[in-house]
Amino acid sequence: MRNWMFISIAVIVLGGGTTMFVMHRTSTALSPEPLSPQTTSGIFASSNPLLTATHAQLDRWIRPFCGPLWLSDVPPKDNWIQPEPCIQGVIDGVENDIKIKVTSAQVSDPAFKAHVRQVYGAK
């Protein structure tokens, strides 16, 4: 009886240790990209940072359920997705990631939608 107890504890400890090791290696392998150049005030000098975002940055900024808002041709008023939480999610994601405050007008800009479609390869 005691042997099974020790074996069970050993399996749990080894499984937990292996999980921690794998998770640590995964988190260090997925380090964030270097930040885009910024002025000293933390605001891009002449461009919207959303229009130069990479695929990885967009993955971090756009909530998974909001992707169709920018990738579909359906107008937001006819879409089942509520645009306000998605827009706020992008604003918060950009601010948390690269410490730049963007406006809802920048997020709602058709140029941003075109950039997202180009980056993700939507037709």
Protein backbone atom coordinates (compact mmCIF):
# COMPACT_ATOMS: atom_id res chain seq x y z
CA MET A 1 0.00 0.00 0.00
CA ARG A 2 2.77 2.41 0.91
CA ASN A 3 4.66 1.67 -2.30
CA TRP A 4 1.69 2.81 -4.39
CA MET A 5 1.44 5.97 -2.34
CA PHE A 6 5.10 6.83 -2.91
CA ILE A 7 4.83 6.04 -6.61
CA SER A 8 1.74 8.25 -6.92
CA ILE A 9 3.48 11.16 -5.18
CA ALA A 10 6.56 10.73 -7.38
CA VAL A 11 4.43 10.78 -10.55
CA ILE A 12 2.65 13.95 -9.40
CA VAL A 13 5.91 15.70 -8.54
CA LEU A 14 7.57 14.67 -11.81
CA GLY A 15 4.51 15.68 -13.83
CA GLY A 16 4.34 19.07 -12.14
CA GLY A 17 8.06 19.65 -12.62
CA THR A 18 7.87 18.70 -16.28
CA THR A 19 4.89 20.99 -16.81
CA MET A 20 6.70 23.91 -15.16
CA PHE A 21 9.82 23.26 -17.25
CA VAL A 22 7.87 23.17 -20.53
CA MET A 23 5.84 26.27 -19.65
CA HIS A 24 8.99 28.20 -18.76
CA ARG A 25 10.69 27.27 -22.04
CA THR A 26 7.56 28.21 -24.00
CA SER A 27 7.24 31.60 -22.32
CA THR A 28 10.89 32.50 -22.96
CA ALA A 29 10.69 31.33 -26.58
CA LEU A 30 7.69 33.60 -27.22
CA SER A 31 9.33 36.82 -26.08
CA PRO A 32 7.67 39.94 -27.47
CA GLU A 33 9.00 41.71 -30.52
CA PRO A 34 11.13 44.79 -30.14
CA LEU A 35 9.11 47.96 -29.84
CA SER A 36 8.63 50.25 -32.79
CA PRO A 37 10.57 53.52 -32.76
CA GLN A 38 8.91 56.18 -30.66
CA THR A 39 9.50 59.81 -29.85
CA THR A 40 10.41 60.72 -26.31
CA SER A 41 6.82 61.65 -25.54
CA GLY A 42 5.68 58.07 -26.25
CA ILE A 43 3.63 59.03 -29.30
CA PHE A 44 4.58 58.29 -32.88
CA ALA A 45 5.75 61.41 -34.63
CA SER A 46 3.59 61.26 -37.74
CA SER A 47 1.87 57.91 -38.10
CA ASN A 48 -0.78 55.73 -36.59
CA PRO A 49 0.99 52.79 -34.86
CA LEU A 50 -1.91 50.57 -35.86
CA LEU A 51 -1.00 50.98 -39.52
CA THR A 52 2.51 49.58 -39.00
CA ALA A 53 1.56 46.74 -36.65
CA THR A 54 2.99 43.31 -37.31
CA HIS A 55 1.08 40.03 -37.31
CA ALA A 56 2.29 39.22 -33.78
CA GLN A 57 1.27 42.64 -32.48
CA LEU A 58 -2.19 42.34 -34.02
CA ASP A 59 -2.55 38.90 -32.42
CA ARG A 60 -1.92 40.52 -29.04
CA TRP A 61 -4.14 43.56 -29.63
CA ILE A 62 -7.23 42.10 -31.31
CA ARG A 63 -9.41 39.89 -29.13
CA PRO A 64 -10.07 36.49 -30.74
CA PHE A 65 -13.83 36.99 -31.04
CA CYS A 66 -13.29 40.43 -32.64
CA GLY A 67 -11.31 39.25 -35.66
CA PRO A 68 -14.35 39.08 -37.97
CA LEU A 69 -15.04 42.76 -37.26
CA TRP A 70 -11.88 43.70 -39.17
CA LEU A 71 -11.63 40.74 -41.51
CA SER A 72 -15.17 40.56 -42.91
CA ASP A 73 -16.81 42.76 -45.52
CA VAL A 74 -20.02 42.96 -43.49
CA PRO A 75 -20.61 46.49 -42.12
CA PRO A 76 -20.37 46.68 -38.30
CA LYS A 77 -24.06 47.59 -37.93
CA ASP A 78 -25.05 44.38 -39.77
CA ASN A 79 -22.47 42.25 -37.97
CA TRP A 80 -23.32 40.20 -34.87
CA ILE A 81 -20.18 41.50 -33.13
CA GLN A 82 -20.52 44.61 -30.98
CA PRO A 83 -17.72 46.94 -32.12
CA GLU A 84 -17.33 48.95 -28.89
CA PRO A 85 -15.68 46.22 -26.75
CA CYS A 86 -13.47 45.25 -29.69
CA ILE A 87 -12.35 48.82 -30.27
CA GLN A 88 -11.66 49.29 -26.55
CA GLY A 89 -9.76 45.99 -26.52
CA VAL A 90 -7.43 47.25 -29.26
CA ILE A 91 -6.96 50.59 -27.47
CA ASP A 92 -6.10 48.81 -24.20
CA GLY A 93 -3.88 46.25 -25.95
CA VAL A 94 -1.82 48.91 -27.72
CA GLU A 95 -1.45 50.96 -24.55
CA ASN A 96 -0.40 47.94 -22.48
CA ASP A 97 1.95 46.59 -25.14
CA ILE A 98 3.77 49.62 -26.54
CA LYS A 99 2.65 52.34 -24.11
CA ILE A 100 0.99 54.46 -26.79
CA LYS A 101 -2.54 55.80 -26.44
CA VAL A 102 -4.59 55.42 -29.62
CA THR A 103 -8.08 56.78 -30.13
CA SER A 104 -11.25 55.02 -31.16
CA ALA A 105 -11.12 57.06 -34.39
CA GLN A 106 -7.73 55.51 -35.20
CA VAL A 107 -9.04 52.02 -34.45
CA SER A 108 -12.21 52.63 -36.50
CA ASP A 109 -10.22 54.05 -39.41
CA PRO A 110 -10.80 52.09 -42.65
CA ALA A 111 -7.03 52.17 -43.20
CA PHE A 112 -6.58 50.06 -40.04
CA LYS A 113 -9.13 47.53 -41.29
CA ALA A 114 -7.28 47.41 -44.63
CA HIS A 115 -3.97 46.87 -42.83
CA VAL A 116 -5.41 44.04 -40.70
CA ARG A 117 -6.83 42.38 -43.82
CA GLN A 118 -3.47 42.71 -45.58
CA VAL A 119 -1.47 41.32 -42.63
CA TYR A 120 -3.81 38.34 -42.20
CA GLY A 121 -4.08 37.74 -45.94
CA ALA A 122 -7.84 38.31 -46.17
CA LYS A 123 -9.22 38.92 -49.63
